[in-house]
Each structure stands twice: as structure tokens, then as C-alpha cells.
Amino acid sequence: MNEIDSPESEVICDCTGTTKEKILSLIKKKADLDKISSTTGATTGCGSCDFEITRLIEQHNRSD
């Protein structure tokens, strides 16, 4: 299962515990990576979630 198909309860950012559900809710409000980061703290620790969050943003933008 890839990140996009994963359950919304899946934790995307292990450093902050930010879930896919939280990230998607921010994306739906037109938040960009910087806004998601400042709101949740995601990408500010080890940074390994950066790619996954960017991919979710891009997928959402393609579906608009």
C-alpha cells in the first residue's frame, strides 16, 4: 500500500505524530507545505515526511 492509499489515521510525521487525516484537512483548506509545517510541526524534525506531504499536496492539486 502506498502513502496515498493508506488509511487516514496513519501517522505521516513520526516526530510530531501528525496524521494523514490532519494533513489532508489542511490541504483541503489550501494550505501549502510551509503552512502545514507551521501548523503541525511536520517536516521540522528529521524531515523524512517532507516527500510524503508534498506528494499528498500534488495529488490533491491534480484532483481539483
N, C-alpha and C. Protein backbone atom coordinates (compact mmCIF):
# COMPACT_ATOMS: atom_id res chain seq x y z
N MET A 1 0.86 -1.18 0.00
CA MET A 1 0.00 0.00 0.00
C MET A 1 0.90 1.23 0.00
N ASN A 2 0.62 2.15 -0.91
CA ASN A 2 1.43 3.37 -0.91
C ASN A 2 0.81 4.42 -0.01
N GLU A 3 1.51 5.50 0.18
CA GLU A 3 1.10 6.57 1.12
C GLU A 3 -0.26 7.15 0.78
N ILE A 4 -0.54 7.34 -0.48
CA ILE A 4 -1.78 7.98 -0.90
C ILE A 4 -2.98 7.08 -0.60
N ASP A 5 -2.80 5.77 -0.69
CA ASP A 5 -3.88 4.83 -0.45
C ASP A 5 -3.98 4.40 1.02
N SER A 6 -3.10 4.88 1.85
CA SER A 6 -3.08 4.46 3.25
C SER A 6 -4.27 5.02 4.03
N PRO A 7 -4.60 4.39 5.14
CA PRO A 7 -5.71 4.90 5.96
C PRO A 7 -5.40 6.31 6.48
N GLU A 8 -6.45 7.11 6.63
CA GLU A 8 -6.26 8.50 7.07
C GLU A 8 -5.70 8.58 8.48
N SER A 9 -5.85 7.53 9.28
CA SER A 9 -5.33 7.56 10.65
C SER A 9 -3.82 7.29 10.72
N GLU A 10 -3.22 6.95 9.59
CA GLU A 10 -1.79 6.65 9.56
C GLU A 10 -0.98 7.89 9.92
N VAL A 11 0.02 7.70 10.75
CA VAL A 11 0.91 8.80 11.12
C VAL A 11 1.90 9.02 9.98
N ILE A 12 1.92 10.25 9.48
CA ILE A 12 2.82 10.63 8.38
C ILE A 12 4.13 11.17 8.96
N CYS A 13 4.03 11.98 10.01
CA CYS A 13 5.22 12.55 10.65
C CYS A 13 5.41 11.88 12.01
N ASP A 14 6.40 11.01 12.09
CA ASP A 14 6.68 10.32 13.35
C ASP A 14 7.19 11.28 14.43
N CYS A 15 7.86 12.33 14.04
CA CYS A 15 8.43 13.26 15.03
C CYS A 15 7.33 14.01 15.79
N THR A 16 6.24 14.35 15.10
CA THR A 16 5.17 15.13 15.74
C THR A 16 3.88 14.35 15.91
N GLY A 17 3.79 13.17 15.33
CA GLY A 17 2.58 12.37 15.41
C GLY A 17 1.47 12.87 14.49
N THR A 18 1.82 13.67 13.50
CA THR A 18 0.83 14.23 12.59
C THR A 18 0.29 13.14 11.67
N THR A 19 -1.05 13.04 11.61
CA THR A 19 -1.68 12.01 10.80
C THR A 19 -1.99 12.49 9.39
N LYS A 20 -2.23 11.53 8.54
CA LYS A 20 -2.64 11.83 7.17
C LYS A 20 -3.95 12.61 7.19
N GLU A 21 -4.85 12.27 8.10
CA GLU A 21 -6.13 12.97 8.20
C GLU A 21 -5.93 14.46 8.47
N LYS A 22 -5.02 14.81 9.39
CA LYS A 22 -4.75 16.21 9.71
C LYS A 22 -4.14 16.93 8.50
N ILE A 23 -3.22 16.29 7.85
CA ILE A 23 -2.57 16.88 6.68
C ILE A 23 -3.60 17.12 5.57
N LEU A 24 -4.44 16.13 5.30
CA LEU A 24 -5.45 16.28 4.26
C LEU A 24 -6.44 17.38 4.60
N SER A 25 -6.78 17.52 5.87
CA SER A 25 -7.72 18.59 6.24
C SER A 25 -7.11 19.96 5.98
N LEU A 26 -5.83 20.10 6.22
CA LEU A 26 -5.14 21.37 5.94
C LEU A 26 -5.01 21.61 4.44
N ILE A 27 -4.72 20.55 3.69
CA ILE A 27 -4.61 20.68 2.23
C ILE A 27 -5.94 21.14 1.65
N LYS A 28 -7.03 20.60 2.15
CA LYS A 28 -8.36 20.98 1.65
C LYS A 28 -8.66 22.46 1.93
N LYS A 29 -7.98 23.02 2.94
CA LYS A 29 -8.12 24.45 3.24
C LYS A 29 -7.08 25.27 2.49
N LYS A 30 -6.45 24.66 1.49
CA LYS A 30 -5.48 25.32 0.60
C LYS A 30 -4.13 25.61 1.28
N ALA A 31 -3.81 24.85 2.32
CA ALA A 31 -2.51 25.02 2.99
C ALA A 31 -1.40 24.45 2.11
N ASP A 32 -0.28 25.16 2.05
CA ASP A 32 0.89 24.67 1.35
C ASP A 32 1.81 23.99 2.37
N LEU A 33 2.96 23.52 1.90
CA LEU A 33 3.88 22.80 2.78
C LEU A 33 4.32 23.66 3.97
N ASP A 34 4.58 24.93 3.73
CA ASP A 34 5.00 25.82 4.82
C ASP A 34 3.91 25.97 5.87
N LYS A 35 2.67 26.12 5.45
CA LYS A 35 1.55 26.27 6.38
C LYS A 35 1.33 24.97 7.16
N ILE A 36 1.41 23.84 6.48
CA ILE A 36 1.26 22.55 7.16
C ILE A 36 2.35 22.39 8.20
N SER A 37 3.56 22.76 7.84
CA SER A 37 4.70 22.66 8.74
C SER A 37 4.52 23.56 9.96
N SER A 38 4.10 24.80 9.74
CA SER A 38 3.96 25.73 10.87
C SER A 38 2.78 25.36 11.76
N THR A 39 1.76 24.73 11.19
CA THR A 39 0.58 24.35 11.97
C THR A 39 0.81 23.07 12.77
N THR A 40 1.48 22.11 12.17
CA THR A 40 1.62 20.79 12.81
C THR A 40 3.01 20.50 13.36
N GLY A 41 4.02 21.19 12.85
CA GLY A 41 5.40 20.88 13.21
C GLY A 41 6.01 19.83 12.29
N ALA A 42 5.19 19.24 11.42
CA ALA A 42 5.70 18.25 10.47
C ALA A 42 6.78 18.88 9.61
N THR A 43 7.75 18.12 9.23
CA THR A 43 8.94 18.47 8.43
C THR A 43 9.98 19.25 9.22
N THR A 44 9.71 19.57 10.48
CA THR A 44 10.67 20.37 11.26
C THR A 44 11.61 19.52 12.09
N GLY A 45 11.34 18.22 12.17
CA GLY A 45 12.23 17.33 12.92
C GLY A 45 13.25 16.74 11.97
N CYS A 46 13.10 15.47 11.69
CA CYS A 46 14.06 14.79 10.82
C CYS A 46 13.84 15.09 9.34
N GLY A 47 12.61 15.53 8.98
CA GLY A 47 12.32 15.90 7.60
C GLY A 47 11.95 14.75 6.69
N SER A 48 11.87 13.53 7.21
CA SER A 48 11.57 12.39 6.34
C SER A 48 10.15 12.41 5.80
N CYS A 49 9.25 13.18 6.39
CA CYS A 49 7.86 13.24 5.93
C CYS A 49 7.65 14.26 4.82
N ASP A 50 8.65 15.06 4.54
CA ASP A 50 8.55 16.12 3.53
C ASP A 50 8.04 15.58 2.19
N PHE A 51 8.63 14.49 1.73
CA PHE A 51 8.26 13.91 0.44
C PHE A 51 6.81 13.45 0.44
N GLU A 52 6.38 12.77 1.50
CA GLU A 52 5.02 12.25 1.56
C GLU A 52 3.99 13.38 1.58
N ILE A 53 4.28 14.43 2.34
CA ILE A 53 3.36 15.56 2.41
C ILE A 53 3.30 16.28 1.07
N THR A 54 4.43 16.48 0.44
CA THR A 54 4.46 17.11 -0.88
C THR A 54 3.67 16.29 -1.88
N ARG A 55 3.78 14.99 -1.82
CA ARG A 55 3.04 14.10 -2.72
C ARG A 55 1.54 14.21 -2.49
N LEU A 56 1.12 14.30 -1.24
CA LEU A 56 -0.31 14.46 -0.94
C LEU A 56 -0.84 15.79 -1.47
N ILE A 57 -0.04 16.84 -1.33
CA ILE A 57 -0.43 18.16 -1.86
C ILE A 57 -0.57 18.08 -3.38
N GLU A 58 0.40 17.49 -4.05
CA GLU A 58 0.37 17.39 -5.51
C GLU A 58 -0.82 16.56 -5.98
N GLN A 59 -1.12 15.46 -5.28
CA GLN A 59 -2.25 14.62 -5.65
C GLN A 59 -3.55 15.42 -5.51
N HIS A 60 -3.68 16.16 -4.43
CA HIS A 60 -4.88 16.97 -4.22
C HIS A 60 -5.02 18.03 -5.31
N ASN A 61 -3.93 18.67 -5.66
CA ASN A 61 -3.97 19.72 -6.67
C ASN A 61 -4.35 19.16 -8.05
N ARG A 62 -3.93 17.94 -8.35
CA ARG A 62 -4.29 17.31 -9.62
C ARG A 62 -5.78 16.96 -9.66
N SER A 63 -6.37 16.69 -8.51
CA SER A 63 -7.77 16.27 -8.49
C SER A 63 -8.74 17.45 -8.47
N ASP A 64 -8.23 18.66 -8.28
CA ASP A 64 -9.10 19.86 -8.27
C ASP A 64 -9.61 20.19 -9.65
